[in-house]
Amino acid sequence: IFFRVKHRAMSAYAELIALGVVAAFGVVGWFVVPGPDKPLNRLLVVTAAFCIYLFWLMVYQAQKYPLLYPVDNRYQTADAEDRNRAAKLWNDATHKAPNSTDL
């Protein structure tokens, strides 16, 4: 998808666009299949289109609503002073300029 979705409610458009593309693939495959075994070839094309869409949908949903989140225990501290120090360390570590030793 080549556009940015600003709101979570609009993310359904991505799923509908993908469904439309895969459905178009299935419909075109329905009429274009060659060979003497047209019913079998049609079944294969439509099943492949359905499986492609189902796989894409599972990957898309897994990225949209992850079950596991990364946990960083290095900066979980007890008091406010330690939290401020940890926040400064995190800020310094994430905004530092890259050098040759980081590669």
PDB file of N, CA and C in Angstrom:
ATOM      1  N   ILE A   1       0.856  -1.159   0.000  1.00  0.00           N
ATOM      2  CA  ILE A   1       0.000   0.000   0.000  1.00  0.00           C
ATOM      3  C   ILE A   1       0.905   1.225   0.000  1.00  0.00           C
ATOM      4  N   PHE A   2       0.599   2.171  -0.877  1.00  0.00           N
ATOM      5  CA  PHE A   2       1.486   3.300  -1.090  1.00  0.00           C
ATOM      6  C   PHE A   2       0.968   4.598  -0.506  1.00  0.00           C
ATOM      7  N   PHE A   3       0.136   4.540   0.510  1.00  0.00           N
ATOM      8  CA  PHE A   3      -0.323   5.756   1.146  1.00  0.00           C
ATOM      9  C   PHE A   3      -0.259   5.590   2.649  1.00  0.00           C
ATOM     10  N   ARG A   4      -0.180   6.710   3.341  1.00  0.00           N
ATOM     11  CA  ARG A   4      -0.039   6.693   4.787  1.00  0.00           C
ATOM     12  C   ARG A   4      -1.421   6.791   5.427  1.00  0.00           C
ATOM     13  N   VAL A   5      -1.682   5.915   6.374  1.00  0.00           N
ATOM     14  CA  VAL A   5      -2.949   5.923   7.086  1.00  0.00           C
ATOM     15  C   VAL A   5      -2.746   6.702   8.383  1.00  0.00           C
ATOM     16  N   LYS A   6      -3.528   7.785   8.569  1.00  0.00           N
ATOM     17  CA  LYS A   6      -3.336   8.625   9.743  1.00  0.00           C
ATOM     18  C   LYS A   6      -4.143   8.159  10.942  1.00  0.00           C
ATOM     19  N   HIS A   7      -5.266   7.523  10.704  1.00  0.00           N
ATOM     20  CA  HIS A   7      -6.121   7.105  11.807  1.00  0.00           C
ATOM     21  C   HIS A   7      -6.294   5.594  11.763  1.00  0.00           C
ATOM     22  N   ARG A   8      -6.465   5.001  12.947  1.00  0.00           N
ATOM     23  CA  ARG A   8      -6.627   3.554  13.025  1.00  0.00           C
ATOM     24  C   ARG A   8      -7.907   3.113  12.332  1.00  0.00           C
ATOM     25  N   ALA A   9      -8.954   3.931  12.346  1.00  0.00           N
ATOM     26  CA  ALA A   9     -10.212   3.568  11.699  1.00  0.00           C
ATOM     27  C   ALA A   9     -10.049   3.470  10.187  1.00  0.00           C
ATOM     28  N   MET A  10      -9.096   4.210   9.644  1.00  0.00           N
ATOM     29  CA  MET A  10      -8.885   4.178   8.195  1.00  0.00           C
ATOM     30  C   MET A  10      -8.062   2.978   7.759  1.00  0.00           C
ATOM     31  N   SER A  11      -7.512   2.235   8.699  1.00  0.00           N
ATOM     32  CA  SER A  11      -6.673   1.114   8.311  1.00  0.00           C
ATOM     33  C   SER A  11      -7.481  -0.006   7.664  1.00  0.00           C
ATOM     34  N   ALA A  12      -8.796   0.036   7.787  1.00  0.00           N
ATOM     35  CA  ALA A  12      -9.632  -0.959   7.110  1.00  0.00           C
ATOM     36  C   ALA A  12      -9.523  -0.795   5.598  1.00  0.00           C
ATOM     37  N   TYR A  13      -9.200   0.408   5.146  1.00  0.00           N
ATOM     38  CA  TYR A  13      -9.043   0.621   3.706  1.00  0.00           C
ATOM     39  C   TYR A  13      -7.904  -0.229   3.140  1.00  0.00           C
ATOM     40  N   ALA A  14      -6.840  -0.393   3.888  1.00  0.00           N
ATOM     41  CA  ALA A  14      -5.723  -1.215   3.421  1.00  0.00           C
ATOM     42  C   ALA A  14      -6.175  -2.655   3.224  1.00  0.00           C
ATOM     43  N   GLU A  15      -6.962  -3.154   4.148  1.00  0.00           N
ATOM     44  CA  GLU A  15      -7.455  -4.526   4.025  1.00  0.00           C
ATOM     45  C   GLU A  15      -8.408  -4.665   2.843  1.00  0.00           C
ATOM     46  N   LEU A  16      -9.247  -3.653   2.633  1.00  0.00           N
ATOM     47  CA  LEU A  16     -10.181  -3.704   1.501  1.00  0.00           C
ATOM     48  C   LEU A  16      -9.453  -3.587   0.161  1.00  0.00           C
ATOM     49  N   ILE A  17      -8.424  -2.760   0.102  1.00  0.00           N
ATOM     50  CA  ILE A  17      -7.647  -2.627  -1.139  1.00  0.00           C
ATOM     51  C   ILE A  17      -6.939  -3.938  -1.444  1.00  0.00           C
ATOM     52  N   ALA A  18      -6.343  -4.556  -0.433  1.00  0.00           N
ATOM     53  CA  ALA A  18      -5.671  -5.841  -0.651  1.00  0.00           C
ATOM     54  C   ALA A  18      -6.674  -6.906  -1.081  1.00  0.00           C
ATOM     55  N   LEU A  19      -7.844  -6.910  -0.471  1.00  0.00           N
ATOM     56  CA  LEU A  19      -8.874  -7.862  -0.864  1.00  0.00           C
ATOM     57  C   LEU A  19      -9.294  -7.632  -2.309  1.00  0.00           C
ATOM     58  N   GLY A  20      -9.415  -6.371  -2.710  1.00  0.00           N
ATOM     59  CA  GLY A  20      -9.768  -6.057  -4.096  1.00  0.00           C
ATOM     60  C   GLY A  20      -8.713  -6.516  -5.085  1.00  0.00           C
ATOM     61  N   VAL A  21      -7.449  -6.320  -4.747  1.00  0.00           N
ATOM     62  CA  VAL A  21      -6.365  -6.745  -5.644  1.00  0.00           C
ATOM     63  C   VAL A  21      -6.348  -8.263  -5.783  1.00  0.00           C
ATOM     64  N   VAL A  22      -6.486  -8.969  -4.676  1.00  0.00           N
ATOM     65  CA  VAL A  22      -6.461 -10.426  -4.727  1.00  0.00           C
ATOM     66  C   VAL A  22      -7.717 -10.960  -5.418  1.00  0.00           C
ATOM     67  N   ALA A  23      -8.859 -10.311  -5.191  1.00  0.00           N
ATOM     68  CA  ALA A  23     -10.087 -10.732  -5.879  1.00  0.00           C
ATOM     69  C   ALA A  23      -9.955 -10.515  -7.381  1.00  0.00           C
ATOM     70  N   ALA A  24      -9.343  -9.411  -7.792  1.00  0.00           N
ATOM     71  CA  ALA A  24      -9.117  -9.174  -9.216  1.00  0.00           C
ATOM     72  C   ALA A  24      -8.209 -10.253  -9.797  1.00  0.00           C
ATOM     73  N   PHE A  25      -7.181 -10.645  -9.039  1.00  0.00           N
ATOM     74  CA  PHE A  25      -6.309 -11.735  -9.478  1.00  0.00           C
ATOM     75  C   PHE A  25      -7.101 -13.018  -9.662  1.00  0.00           C
ATOM     76  N   GLY A  26      -7.994 -13.310  -8.729  1.00  0.00           N
ATOM     77  CA  GLY A  26      -8.808 -14.512  -8.819  1.00  0.00           C
ATOM     78  C   GLY A  26      -9.777 -14.474  -9.985  1.00  0.00           C
ATOM     79  N   VAL A  27     -10.395 -13.308 -10.224  1.00  0.00           N
ATOM     80  CA  VAL A  27     -11.346 -13.186 -11.334  1.00  0.00           C
ATOM     81  C   VAL A  27     -10.628 -13.283 -12.673  1.00  0.00           C
ATOM     82  N   VAL A  28      -9.492 -12.611 -12.804  1.00  0.00           N
ATOM     83  CA  VAL A  28      -8.727 -12.696 -14.057  1.00  0.00           C
ATOM     84  C   VAL A  28      -8.249 -14.130 -14.263  1.00  0.00           C
ATOM     85  N   GLY A  29      -7.784 -14.762 -13.208  1.00  0.00           N
ATOM     86  CA  GLY A  29      -7.344 -16.148 -13.321  1.00  0.00           C
ATOM     87  C   GLY A  29      -8.476 -17.092 -13.689  1.00  0.00           C
ATOM     88  N   TRP A  30      -9.700 -16.760 -13.304  1.00  0.00           N
ATOM     89  CA  TRP A  30     -10.858 -17.592 -13.614  1.00  0.00           C
ATOM     90  C   TRP A  30     -11.094 -17.664 -15.123  1.00  0.00           C
ATOM     91  N   PHE A  31     -10.890 -16.546 -15.819  1.00  0.00           N
ATOM     92  CA  PHE A  31     -11.187 -16.488 -17.245  1.00  0.00           C
ATOM     93  C   PHE A  31      -9.981 -16.746 -18.137  1.00  0.00           C
ATOM     94  N   VAL A  32      -8.776 -16.693 -17.601  1.00  0.00           N
ATOM     95  CA  VAL A  32      -7.580 -16.777 -18.429  1.00  0.00           C
ATOM     96  C   VAL A  32      -6.924 -18.156 -18.377  1.00  0.00           C
ATOM     97  N   VAL A  33      -7.367 -19.024 -17.502  1.00  0.00           N
ATOM     98  CA  VAL A  33      -6.679 -20.304 -17.324  1.00  0.00           C
ATOM     99  C   VAL A  33      -6.666 -21.115 -18.618  1.00  0.00           C
ATOM    100  N   PRO A  34      -5.499 -21.652 -18.981  1.00  0.00           N
ATOM    101  CA  PRO A  34      -5.401 -22.446 -20.204  1.00  0.00           C
ATOM    102  C   PRO A  34      -5.514 -23.939 -19.913  1.00  0.00           C
ATOM    103  N   GLY A  35      -5.553 -24.707 -20.954  1.00  0.00           N
ATOM    104  CA  GLY A  35      -5.438 -26.156 -20.826  1.00  0.00           C
ATOM    105  C   GLY A  35      -6.768 -26.879 -20.811  1.00  0.00           C
ATOM    106  N   PRO A  36      -6.680 -28.186 -20.928  1.00  0.00           N
ATOM    107  CA  PRO A  36      -7.903 -28.994 -20.970  1.00  0.00           C
ATOM    108  C   PRO A  36      -8.566 -29.153 -19.599  1.00  0.00           C
ATOM    109  N   ASP A  37      -7.821 -28.957 -18.527  1.00  0.00           N
ATOM    110  CA  ASP A  37      -8.366 -29.133 -17.179  1.00  0.00           C
ATOM    111  C   ASP A  37      -8.782 -27.791 -16.586  1.00  0.00           C
ATOM    112  N   LYS A  38      -9.670 -27.079 -17.277  1.00  0.00           N
ATOM    113  CA  LYS A  38     -10.061 -25.748 -16.806  1.00  0.00           C
ATOM    114  C   LYS A  38     -10.668 -25.753 -15.413  1.00  0.00           C
ATOM    115  N   PRO A  39     -11.554 -26.670 -15.071  1.00  0.00           N
ATOM    116  CA  PRO A  39     -12.107 -26.615 -13.706  1.00  0.00           C
ATOM    117  C   PRO A  39     -11.044 -26.781 -12.615  1.00  0.00           C
ATOM    118  N   LEU A  40     -10.105 -27.673 -12.848  1.00  0.00           N
ATOM    119  CA  LEU A  40      -9.040 -27.863 -11.860  1.00  0.00           C
ATOM    120  C   LEU A  40      -8.141 -26.633 -11.785  1.00  0.00           C
ATOM    121  N   ASN A  41      -7.778 -26.088 -12.947  1.00  0.00           N
ATOM    122  CA  ASN A  41      -6.925 -24.897 -12.968  1.00  0.00           C
ATOM    123  C   ASN A  41      -7.626 -23.711 -12.314  1.00  0.00           C
ATOM    124  N   ARG A  42      -8.922 -23.567 -12.558  1.00  0.00           N
ATOM    125  CA  ARG A  42      -9.674 -22.483 -11.916  1.00  0.00           C
ATOM    126  C   ARG A  42      -9.672 -22.656 -10.405  1.00  0.00           C
ATOM    127  N   LEU A  43      -9.886 -23.877  -9.954  1.00  0.00           N
ATOM    128  CA  LEU A  43      -9.863 -24.140  -8.521  1.00  0.00           C
ATOM    129  C   LEU A  43      -8.508 -23.794  -7.917  1.00  0.00           C
ATOM    130  N   LEU A  44      -7.440 -24.145  -8.609  1.00  0.00           N
ATOM    131  CA  LEU A  44      -6.096 -23.850  -8.113  1.00  0.00           C
ATOM    132  C   LEU A  44      -5.837 -22.355  -8.046  1.00  0.00           C
ATOM    133  N   VAL A  45      -6.266 -21.622  -9.069  1.00  0.00           N
ATOM    134  CA  VAL A  45      -6.027 -20.174  -9.093  1.00  0.00           C
ATOM    135  C   VAL A  45      -6.817 -19.480  -7.990  1.00  0.00           C
ATOM    136  N   VAL A  46      -8.076 -19.835  -7.839  1.00  0.00           N
ATOM    137  CA  VAL A  46      -8.896 -19.194  -6.810  1.00  0.00           C
ATOM    138  C   VAL A  46      -8.401 -19.574  -5.415  1.00  0.00           C
ATOM    139  N   THR A  47      -8.000 -20.825  -5.212  1.00  0.00           N
ATOM    140  CA  THR A  47      -7.465 -21.246  -3.919  1.00  0.00           C
ATOM    141  C   THR A  47      -6.149 -20.527  -3.617  1.00  0.00           C
ATOM    142  N   ALA A  48      -5.307 -20.370  -4.618  1.00  0.00           N
ATOM    143  CA  ALA A  48      -4.044 -19.651  -4.419  1.00  0.00           C
ATOM    144  C   ALA A  48      -4.311 -18.188  -4.055  1.00  0.00           C
ATOM    145  N   ALA A  49      -5.262 -17.558  -4.734  1.00  0.00           N
ATOM    146  CA  ALA A  49      -5.596 -16.165  -4.423  1.00  0.00           C
ATOM    147  C   ALA A  49      -6.110 -16.042  -2.992  1.00  0.00           C
ATOM    148  N   PHE A  50      -6.962 -16.966  -2.585  1.00  0.00           N
ATOM    149  CA  PHE A  50      -7.486 -16.943  -1.218  1.00  0.00           C
ATOM    150  C   PHE A  50      -6.365 -17.140  -0.195  1.00  0.00           C
ATOM    151  N   CYS A  51      -5.470 -18.071  -0.443  1.00  0.00           N
ATOM    152  CA  CYS A  51      -4.363 -18.332   0.490  1.00  0.00           C
ATOM    153  C   CYS A  51      -3.407 -17.146   0.567  1.00  0.00           C
ATOM    154  N   ILE A  52      -3.149 -16.504  -0.568  1.00  0.00           N
ATOM    155  CA  ILE A  52      -2.282 -15.322  -0.568  1.00  0.00           C
ATOM    156  C   ILE A  52      -2.901 -14.217   0.281  1.00  0.00           C
ATOM    157  N   TYR A  53      -4.198 -13.978   0.092  1.00  0.00           N
ATOM    158  CA  TYR A  53      -4.869 -12.940   0.868  1.00  0.00           C
ATOM    159  C   TYR A  53      -4.881 -13.298   2.351  1.00  0.00           C
ATOM    160  N   LEU A  54      -5.172 -14.542   2.674  1.00  0.00           N
ATOM    161  CA  LEU A  54      -5.228 -14.956   4.070  1.00  0.00           C
ATOM    162  C   LEU A  54      -3.860 -14.809   4.741  1.00  0.00           C
ATOM    163  N   PHE A  55      -2.793 -15.177   4.044  1.00  0.00           N
ATOM    164  CA  PHE A  55      -1.440 -15.023   4.592  1.00  0.00           C
ATOM    165  C   PHE A  55      -1.116 -13.546   4.798  1.00  0.00           C
ATOM    166  N   TRP A  56      -1.416 -12.717   3.787  1.00  0.00           N
ATOM    167  CA  TRP A  56      -1.149 -11.286   3.921  1.00  0.00           C
ATOM    168  C   TRP A  56      -1.923 -10.708   5.099  1.00  0.00           C
ATOM    169  N   LEU A  57      -3.189 -11.102   5.242  1.00  0.00           N
ATOM    170  CA  LEU A  57      -4.014 -10.573   6.315  1.00  0.00           C
ATOM    171  C   LEU A  57      -3.460 -10.966   7.686  1.00  0.00           C
ATOM    172  N   MET A  58      -2.993 -12.192   7.838  1.00  0.00           N
ATOM    173  CA  MET A  58      -2.419 -12.617   9.117  1.00  0.00           C
ATOM    174  C   MET A  58      -1.154 -11.826   9.446  1.00  0.00           C
ATOM    175  N   VAL A  59      -0.293 -11.617   8.464  1.00  0.00           N
ATOM    176  CA  VAL A  59       0.930 -10.850   8.704  1.00  0.00           C
ATOM    177  C   VAL A  59       0.595  -9.397   9.040  1.00  0.00           C
ATOM    178  N   TYR A  60      -0.350  -8.827   8.303  1.00  0.00           N
ATOM    179  CA  TYR A  60      -0.760  -7.431   8.534  1.00  0.00           C
ATOM    180  C   TYR A  60      -1.341  -7.265   9.935  1.00  0.00           C
ATOM    181  N   GLN A  61      -2.220  -8.176  10.334  1.00  0.00           N
ATOM    182  CA  GLN A  61      -2.832  -8.077  11.656  1.00  0.00           C
ATOM    183  C   GLN A  61      -1.808  -8.323  12.766  1.00  0.00           C
ATOM    184  N   ALA A  62      -0.857  -9.210  12.532  1.00  0.00           N
ATOM    185  CA  ALA A  62       0.169  -9.474  13.538  1.00  0.00           C
ATOM    186  C   ALA A  62       1.052  -8.248  13.764  1.00  0.00           C
ATOM    187  N   GLN A  63       1.280  -7.467  12.717  1.00  0.00           N
ATOM    188  CA  GLN A  63       2.066  -6.249  12.877  1.00  0.00           C
ATOM    189  C   GLN A  63       1.231  -5.127  13.480  1.00  0.00           C
ATOM    190  N   LYS A  64      -0.046  -5.136  13.195  1.00  0.00           N
ATOM    191  CA  LYS A  64      -0.927  -4.082  13.691  1.00  0.00           C
ATOM    192  C   LYS A  64      -1.238  -4.256  15.174  1.00  0.00           C
ATOM    193  N   TYR A  65      -1.460  -5.501  15.606  1.00  0.00           N
ATOM    194  CA  TYR A  65      -1.768  -5.811  16.997  1.00  0.00           C
ATOM    195  C   TYR A  65      -0.815  -6.895  17.502  1.00  0.00           C
ATOM    196  N   PRO A  66       0.427  -6.543  17.828  1.00  0.00           N
ATOM    197  CA  PRO A  66       1.388  -7.579  18.260  1.00  0.00           C
ATOM    198  C   PRO A  66       1.006  -8.170  19.616  1.00  0.00           C
ATOM    199  N   LEU A  67       1.244  -9.465  19.770  1.00  0.00           N
ATOM    200  CA  LEU A  67       0.966 -10.135  21.034  1.00  0.00           C
ATOM    201  C   LEU A  67       2.099  -9.947  22.027  1.00  0.00           C
ATOM    202  N   LEU A  68       3.322  -9.840  21.537  1.00  0.00           N
ATOM    203  CA  LEU A  68       4.492  -9.667  22.387  1.00  0.00           C
ATOM    204  C   LEU A  68       5.150  -8.334  22.073  1.00  0.00           C
ATOM    205  N   TYR A  69       5.522  -7.614  23.099  1.00  0.00           N
ATOM    206  CA  TYR A  69       6.218  -6.347  22.935  1.00  0.00           C
ATOM    207  C   TYR A  69       7.636  -6.497  23.475  1.00  0.00           C
ATOM    208  N   PRO A  70       8.592  -5.767  22.914  1.00  0.00           N
ATOM    209  CA  PRO A  70       9.950  -5.842  23.447  1.00  0.00           C
ATOM    210  C   PRO A  70      10.014  -5.240  24.853  1.00  0.00           C
ATOM    211  N   VAL A  71      10.749  -5.894  25.721  1.00  0.00           N
ATOM    212  CA  VAL A  71      10.896  -5.431  27.097  1.00  0.00           C
ATOM    213  C   VAL A  71      12.362  -5.107  27.319  1.00  0.00           C
ATOM    214  N   ASP A  72      12.619  -3.913  27.822  1.00  0.00           N
ATOM    215  CA  ASP A  72      13.987  -3.486  28.098  1.00  0.00           C
ATOM    216  C   ASP A  72      14.114  -3.262  29.600  1.00  0.00           C
ATOM    217  N   ASN A  73      14.691  -4.219  30.304  1.00  0.00           N
ATOM    218  CA  ASN A  73      14.804  -4.141  31.755  1.00  0.00           C
ATOM    219  C   ASN A  73      16.006  -3.341  32.227  1.00  0.00           C
ATOM    220  N   ARG A  74      16.837  -2.877  31.315  1.00  0.00           N
ATOM    221  CA  ARG A  74      18.052  -2.170  31.735  1.00  0.00           C
ATOM    222  C   ARG A  74      17.742  -0.860  32.433  1.00  0.00           C
ATOM    223  N   TYR A  75      16.615  -0.225  32.087  1.00  0.00           N
ATOM    224  CA  TYR A  75      16.341   1.110  32.602  1.00  0.00           C
ATOM    225  C   TYR A  75      15.188   1.136  33.600  1.00  0.00           C
ATOM    226  N   GLN A  76      14.782   0.008  34.131  1.00  0.00           N
ATOM    227  CA  GLN A  76      13.746  -0.006  35.161  1.00  0.00           C
ATOM    228  C   GLN A  76      14.430   0.127  36.516  1.00  0.00           C
ATOM    229  N   THR A  77      14.200   1.261  37.171  1.00  0.00           N
ATOM    230  CA  THR A  77      14.874   1.548  38.437  1.00  0.00           C
ATOM    231  C   THR A  77      13.860   1.877  39.517  1.00  0.00           C
ATOM    232  N   ALA A  78      14.335   2.039  40.750  1.00  0.00           N
ATOM    233  CA  ALA A  78      13.438   2.183  41.887  1.00  0.00           C
ATOM    234  C   ALA A  78      13.010   3.621  42.139  1.00  0.00           C
ATOM    235  N   ASP A  79      13.916   4.577  42.097  1.00  0.00           N
ATOM    236  CA  ASP A  79      13.540   5.933  42.492  1.00  0.00           C
ATOM    237  C   ASP A  79      13.619   6.906  41.331  1.00  0.00           C
ATOM    238  N   ALA A  80      13.148   8.123  41.571  1.00  0.00           N
ATOM    239  CA  ALA A  80      13.029   9.124  40.510  1.00  0.00           C
ATOM    240  C   ALA A  80      14.395   9.560  39.987  1.00  0.00           C
ATOM    241  N   GLU A  81      15.384   9.655  40.876  1.00  0.00           N
ATOM    242  CA  GLU A  81      16.716  10.065  40.426  1.00  0.00           C
ATOM    243  C   GLU A  81      17.293   9.048  39.436  1.00  0.00           C
ATOM    244  N   ASP A  82      17.142   7.776  39.761  1.00  0.00           N
ATOM    245  CA  ASP A  82      17.616   6.741  38.849  1.00  0.00           C
ATOM    246  C   ASP A  82      16.834   6.754  37.537  1.00  0.00           C
ATOM    247  N   ARG A  83      15.526   7.011  37.627  1.00  0.00           N
ATOM    248  CA  ARG A  83      14.726   7.084  36.394  1.00  0.00           C
ATOM    249  C   ARG A  83      15.188   8.226  35.509  1.00  0.00           C
ATOM    250  N   ASN A  84      15.495   9.377  36.111  1.00  0.00           N
ATOM    251  CA  ASN A  84      15.976  10.509  35.314  1.00  0.00           C
ATOM    252  C   ASN A  84      17.325  10.193  34.684  1.00  0.00           C
ATOM    253  N   ARG A  85      18.210   9.540  35.435  1.00  0.00           N
ATOM    254  CA  ARG A  85      19.510   9.153  34.900  1.00  0.00           C
ATOM    255  C   ARG A  85      19.337   8.148  33.755  1.00  0.00           C
ATOM    256  N   ALA A  86      18.408   7.196  33.930  1.00  0.00           N
ATOM    257  CA  ALA A  86      18.152   6.207  32.892  1.00  0.00           C
ATOM    258  C   ALA A  86      17.580   6.871  31.644  1.00  0.00           C
ATOM    259  N   ALA A  87      16.692   7.850  31.842  1.00  0.00           N
ATOM    260  CA  ALA A  87      16.119   8.547  30.685  1.00  0.00           C
ATOM    261  C   ALA A  87      17.205   9.309  29.934  1.00  0.00           C
ATOM    262  N   LYS A  88      18.137   9.918  30.661  1.00  0.00           N
ATOM    263  CA  LYS A  88      19.231  10.634  30.004  1.00  0.00           C
ATOM    264  C   LYS A  88      20.126   9.663  29.244  1.00  0.00           C
ATOM    265  N   LEU A  89      20.429   8.511  29.851  1.00  0.00           N
ATOM    266  CA  LEU A  89      21.243   7.506  29.163  1.00  0.00           C
ATOM    267  C   LEU A  89      20.542   7.015  27.896  1.00  0.00           C
ATOM    268  N   TRP A  90      19.242   6.758  28.011  1.00  0.00           N
ATOM    269  CA  TRP A  90      18.484   6.289  26.856  1.00  0.00           C
ATOM    270  C   TRP A  90      18.490   7.343  25.757  1.00  0.00           C
ATOM    271  N   ASN A  91      18.285   8.595  26.141  1.00  0.00           N
ATOM    272  CA  ASN A  91      18.271   9.680  25.163  1.00  0.00           C
ATOM    273  C   ASN A  91      19.634   9.819  24.498  1.00  0.00           C
ATOM    274  N   ASP A  92      20.687   9.747  25.281  1.00  0.00           N
ATOM    275  CA  ASP A  92      22.031   9.847  24.713  1.00  0.00           C
ATOM    276  C   ASP A  92      22.327   8.670  23.793  1.00  0.00           C
ATOM    277  N   ALA A  93      21.883   7.484  24.174  1.00  0.00           N
ATOM    278  CA  ALA A  93      22.176   6.291  23.377  1.00  0.00           C
ATOM    279  C   ALA A  93      21.398   6.284  22.066  1.00  0.00           C
ATOM    280  N   THR A  94      20.208   6.831  22.067  1.00  0.00           N
ATOM    281  CA  THR A  94      19.392   6.786  20.848  1.00  0.00           C
ATOM    282  C   THR A  94      19.649   7.952  19.920  1.00  0.00           C
ATOM    283  N   HIS A  95      20.234   9.034  20.408  1.00  0.00           N
ATOM    284  CA  HIS A  95      20.447  10.205  19.563  1.00  0.00           C
ATOM    285  C   HIS A  95      21.910  10.526  19.308  1.00  0.00           C
ATOM    286  N   LYS A  96      22.776   9.573  19.520  1.00  0.00           N
ATOM    287  CA  LYS A  96      24.187   9.836  19.288  1.00  0.00           C
ATOM    288  C   LYS A  96      24.512   9.712  17.801  1.00  0.00           C
ATOM    289  N   ALA A  97      25.548  10.374  17.390  1.00  0.00           N
ATOM    290  CA  ALA A  97      25.980  10.309  15.989  1.00  0.00           C
ATOM    291  C   ALA A  97      26.691   8.972  15.745  1.00  0.00           C
ATOM    292  N   PRO A  98      26.412   8.328  14.626  1.00  0.00           N
ATOM    293  CA  PRO A  98      27.076   7.045  14.356  1.00  0.00           C
ATOM    294  C   PRO A  98      28.560   7.250  14.060  1.00  0.00           C
ATOM    295  N   ASN A  99      29.373   6.287  14.473  1.00  0.00           N
ATOM    296  CA  ASN A  99      30.789   6.330  14.141  1.00  0.00           C
ATOM    297  C   ASN A  99      31.202   4.966  13.584  1.00  0.00           C
ATOM    298  N   SER A 100      32.446   4.819  13.286  1.00  0.00           N
ATOM    299  CA  SER A 100      32.914   3.596  12.627  1.00  0.00           C
ATOM    300  C   SER A 100      32.842   2.378  13.535  1.00  0.00           C
ATOM    301  N   THR A 101      32.848   2.558  14.848  1.00  0.00           N
ATOM    302  CA  THR A 101      32.789   1.393  15.729  1.00  0.00           C
ATOM    303  C   THR A 101      31.369   0.807  15.822  1.00  0.00           C
ATOM    304  N   ASP A 102      30.342   1.570  15.422  1.00  0.00           N
ATOM    305  CA  ASP A 102      28.965   1.072  15.467  1.00  0.00           C
ATOM    306  C   ASP A 102      28.633   0.176  14.293  1.00  0.00           C
ATOM    307  N   LEU A 103      29.452   0.162  13.268  1.00  0.00           N
ATOM    308  CA  LEU A 103      29.122  -0.603  12.068  1.00  0.00           C
ATOM    309  C   LEU A 103      29.465  -2.025  12.158  1.00  0.00           C
TER     310      LEU A 103
END
